[in-house]
Amino acid sequence: MGGIAAGLVGGAALGFAGGMIAEEVFDSFGDDEGGEDEG
């Protein structure tokens, strides 16, 4: 049971980090198309 729980937590963490990275990548492409300024 512990291994399954650890796998679920690890998978969720990787999915969250991957989503953040993908968002940054797509956001950087959006800047080329006149995206909003964030700073």
PDB file of N, CA and C in Angstrom:
ATOM      1  N   MET A   1       0.831  -1.213   0.000  1.00  0.00           N
ATOM      2  CA  MET A   1       0.000   0.000   0.000  1.00  0.00           C
ATOM      3  C   MET A   1       0.858   1.252   0.000  1.00  0.00           C
ATOM      4  N   GLY A   2       1.938   1.235   0.768  1.00  0.00           N
ATOM      5  CA  GLY A   2       2.808   2.415   0.837  1.00  0.00           C
ATOM      6  C   GLY A   2       3.416   2.753  -0.521  1.00  0.00           C
ATOM      7  N   GLY A   3       3.788   1.711  -1.267  1.00  0.00           N
ATOM      8  CA  GLY A   3       4.375   1.935  -2.592  1.00  0.00           C
ATOM      9  C   GLY A   3       3.377   2.560  -3.549  1.00  0.00           C
ATOM     10  N   ILE A   4       2.121   2.118  -3.456  1.00  0.00           N
ATOM     11  CA  ILE A   4       1.077   2.680  -4.326  1.00  0.00           C
ATOM     12  C   ILE A   4       0.856   4.147  -3.983  1.00  0.00           C
ATOM     13  N   ALA A   5       0.778   4.460  -2.692  1.00  0.00           N
ATOM     14  CA  ALA A   5       0.572   5.844  -2.269  1.00  0.00           C
ATOM     15  C   ALA A   5       1.736   6.718  -2.718  1.00  0.00           C
ATOM     16  N   ALA A   6       2.960   6.226  -2.570  1.00  0.00           N
ATOM     17  CA  ALA A   6       4.140   6.990  -2.986  1.00  0.00           C
ATOM     18  C   ALA A   6       4.127   7.213  -4.491  1.00  0.00           C
ATOM     19  N   GLY A   7       3.698   6.206  -5.240  1.00  0.00           N
ATOM     20  CA  GLY A   7       3.616   6.336  -6.689  1.00  0.00           C
ATOM     21  C   GLY A   7       2.594   7.380  -7.100  1.00  0.00           C
ATOM     22  N   LEU A   8       1.459   7.394  -6.410  1.00  0.00           N
ATOM     23  CA  LEU A   8       0.422   8.385  -6.721  1.00  0.00           C
ATOM     24  C   LEU A   8       0.906   9.796  -6.421  1.00  0.00           C
ATOM     25  N   VAL A   9       1.545   9.965  -5.265  1.00  0.00           N
ATOM     26  CA  VAL A   9       2.056  11.293  -4.893  1.00  0.00           C
ATOM     27  C   VAL A   9       3.146  11.735  -5.865  1.00  0.00           C
ATOM     28  N   GLY A  10       4.056  10.835  -6.209  1.00  0.00           N
ATOM     29  CA  GLY A  10       5.131  11.158  -7.145  1.00  0.00           C
ATOM     30  C   GLY A  10       4.581  11.504  -8.519  1.00  0.00           C
ATOM     31  N   GLY A  11       3.590  10.740  -8.974  1.00  0.00           N
ATOM     32  CA  GLY A  11       2.984  11.013 -10.272  1.00  0.00           C
ATOM     33  C   GLY A  11       2.277  12.353 -10.291  1.00  0.00           C
ATOM     34  N   ALA A  12       1.590  12.674  -9.211  1.00  0.00           N
ATOM     35  CA  ALA A  12       0.896  13.960  -9.128  1.00  0.00           C
ATOM     36  C   ALA A  12       1.893  15.104  -9.135  1.00  0.00           C
ATOM     37  N   ALA A  13       3.012  14.946  -8.418  1.00  0.00           N
ATOM     38  CA  ALA A  13       4.037  15.991  -8.375  1.00  0.00           C
ATOM     39  C   ALA A  13       4.657  16.195  -9.754  1.00  0.00           C
ATOM     40  N   LEU A  14       4.935  15.103 -10.451  1.00  0.00           N
ATOM     41  CA  LEU A  14       5.513  15.215 -11.795  1.00  0.00           C
ATOM     42  C   LEU A  14       4.515  15.859 -12.751  1.00  0.00           C
ATOM     43  N   GLY A  15       3.255  15.494 -12.644  1.00  0.00           N
ATOM     44  CA  GLY A  15       2.230  16.076 -13.500  1.00  0.00           C
ATOM     45  C   GLY A  15       2.091  17.569 -13.253  1.00  0.00           C
ATOM     46  N   PHE A  16       2.133  17.967 -11.989  1.00  0.00           N
ATOM     47  CA  PHE A  16       2.019  19.385 -11.641  1.00  0.00           C
ATOM     48  C   PHE A  16       3.219  20.164 -12.172  1.00  0.00           C
ATOM     49  N   ALA A  17       4.427  19.631 -11.955  1.00  0.00           N
ATOM     50  CA  ALA A  17       5.639  20.304 -12.437  1.00  0.00           C
ATOM     51  C   ALA A  17       5.638  20.365 -13.966  1.00  0.00           C
ATOM     52  N   GLY A  18       5.244  19.275 -14.610  1.00  0.00           N
ATOM     53  CA  GLY A  18       5.179  19.259 -16.073  1.00  0.00           C
ATOM     54  C   GLY A  18       4.187  20.277 -16.595  1.00  0.00           C
ATOM     55  N   GLY A  19       3.064  20.413 -15.919  1.00  0.00           N
ATOM     56  CA  GLY A  19       2.064  21.405 -16.316  1.00  0.00           C
ATOM     57  C   GLY A  19       2.595  22.818 -16.192  1.00  0.00           C
ATOM     58  N   MET A  20       3.329  23.087 -15.128  1.00  0.00           N
ATOM     59  CA  MET A  20       3.900  24.423 -14.934  1.00  0.00           C
ATOM     60  C   MET A  20       4.913  24.728 -16.032  1.00  0.00           C
ATOM     61  N   ILE A  21       5.754  23.749 -16.361  1.00  0.00           N
ATOM     62  CA  ILE A  21       6.768  23.944 -17.407  1.00  0.00           C
ATOM     63  C   ILE A  21       6.085  24.172 -18.753  1.00  0.00           C
ATOM     64  N   ALA A  22       5.062  23.367 -19.064  1.00  0.00           N
ATOM     65  CA  ALA A  22       4.347  23.514 -20.333  1.00  0.00           C
ATOM     66  C   ALA A  22       3.687  24.892 -20.406  1.00  0.00           C
ATOM     67  N   GLU A  23       3.135  25.356 -19.293  1.00  0.00           N
ATOM     68  CA  GLU A  23       2.493  26.667 -19.271  1.00  0.00           C
ATOM     69  C   GLU A  23       3.508  27.773 -19.557  1.00  0.00           C
ATOM     70  N   GLU A  24       4.692  27.671 -18.979  1.00  0.00           N
ATOM     71  CA  GLU A  24       5.743  28.655 -19.227  1.00  0.00           C
ATOM     72  C   GLU A  24       6.171  28.643 -20.691  1.00  0.00           C
ATOM     73  N   VAL A  25       6.306  27.447 -21.267  1.00  0.00           N
ATOM     74  CA  VAL A  25       6.725  27.329 -22.669  1.00  0.00           C
ATOM     75  C   VAL A  25       5.680  27.953 -23.578  1.00  0.00           C
ATOM     76  N   PHE A  26       4.400  27.591 -23.382  1.00  0.00           N
ATOM     77  CA  PHE A  26       3.351  28.144 -24.233  1.00  0.00           C
ATOM     78  C   PHE A  26       3.188  29.633 -23.998  1.00  0.00           C
ATOM     79  N   ASP A  27       3.414  30.085 -22.775  1.00  0.00           N
ATOM     80  CA  ASP A  27       3.305  31.509 -22.468  1.00  0.00           C
ATOM     81  C   ASP A  27       4.404  32.288 -23.188  1.00  0.00           C
ATOM     82  N   SER A  28       5.597  31.718 -23.284  1.00  0.00           N
ATOM     83  CA  SER A  28       6.695  32.397 -23.970  1.00  0.00           C
ATOM     84  C   SER A  28       6.393  32.497 -25.468  1.00  0.00           C
ATOM     85  N   PHE A  29       5.729  31.470 -26.041  1.00  0.00           N
ATOM     86  CA  PHE A  29       5.330  31.556 -27.444  1.00  0.00           C
ATOM     87  C   PHE A  29       4.248  32.616 -27.609  1.00  0.00           C
ATOM     88  N   GLY A  30       3.365  32.733 -26.634  1.00  0.00           N
ATOM     89  CA  GLY A  30       2.276  33.711 -26.695  1.00  0.00           C
ATOM     90  C   GLY A  30       2.800  35.139 -26.718  1.00  0.00           C
ATOM     91  N   ASP A  31       3.944  35.375 -26.094  1.00  0.00           N
ATOM     92  CA  ASP A  31       4.520  36.724 -26.078  1.00  0.00           C
ATOM     93  C   ASP A  31       4.833  37.209 -27.494  1.00  0.00           C
ATOM     94  N   ASP A  32       5.196  36.278 -28.374  1.00  0.00           N
ATOM     95  CA  ASP A  32       5.511  36.659 -29.747  1.00  0.00           C
ATOM     96  C   ASP A  32       4.269  37.135 -30.499  1.00  0.00           C
ATOM     97  N   GLU A  33       3.110  36.769 -29.984  1.00  0.00           N
ATOM     98  CA  GLU A  33       1.860  37.117 -30.664  1.00  0.00           C
ATOM     99  C   GLU A  33       1.150  38.271 -29.972  1.00  0.00           C
ATOM    100  N   GLY A  34       1.886  39.103 -29.261  1.00  0.00           N
ATOM    101  CA  GLY A  34       1.281  40.256 -28.592  1.00  0.00           C
ATOM    102  C   GLY A  34       0.555  39.888 -27.325  1.00  0.00           C
ATOM    103  N   GLY A  35       1.119  38.977 -26.547  1.00  0.00           N
ATOM    104  CA  GLY A  35       0.501  38.568 -25.293  1.00  0.00           C
ATOM    105  C   GLY A  35       0.562  39.673 -24.252  1.00  0.00           C
ATOM    106  N   GLU A  36      -0.109  39.419 -23.121  1.00  0.00           N
ATOM    107  CA  GLU A  36      -0.113  40.419 -22.055  1.00  0.00           C
ATOM    108  C   GLU A  36       1.242  40.494 -21.369  1.00  0.00           C
ATOM    109  N   ASP A  37       1.586  41.678 -20.887  1.00  0.00           N
ATOM    110  CA  ASP A  37       2.829  41.833 -20.107  1.00  0.00           C
ATOM    111  C   ASP A  37       2.567  41.371 -18.684  1.00  0.00           C
ATOM    112  N   GLU A  38       3.488  40.580 -18.151  1.00  0.00           N
ATOM    113  CA  GLU A  38       3.299  40.080 -16.791  1.00  0.00           C
ATOM    114  C   GLU A  38       4.073  40.893 -15.774  1.00  0.00           C
ATOM    115  N   GLY A  39       4.949  41.777 -16.223  1.00  0.00           N
ATOM    116  CA  GLY A  39       5.765  42.494 -15.261  1.00  0.00           C
ATOM    117  C   GLY A  39       5.764  43.913 -15.614  1.00  0.00           C
TER     118      GLY A  39
END
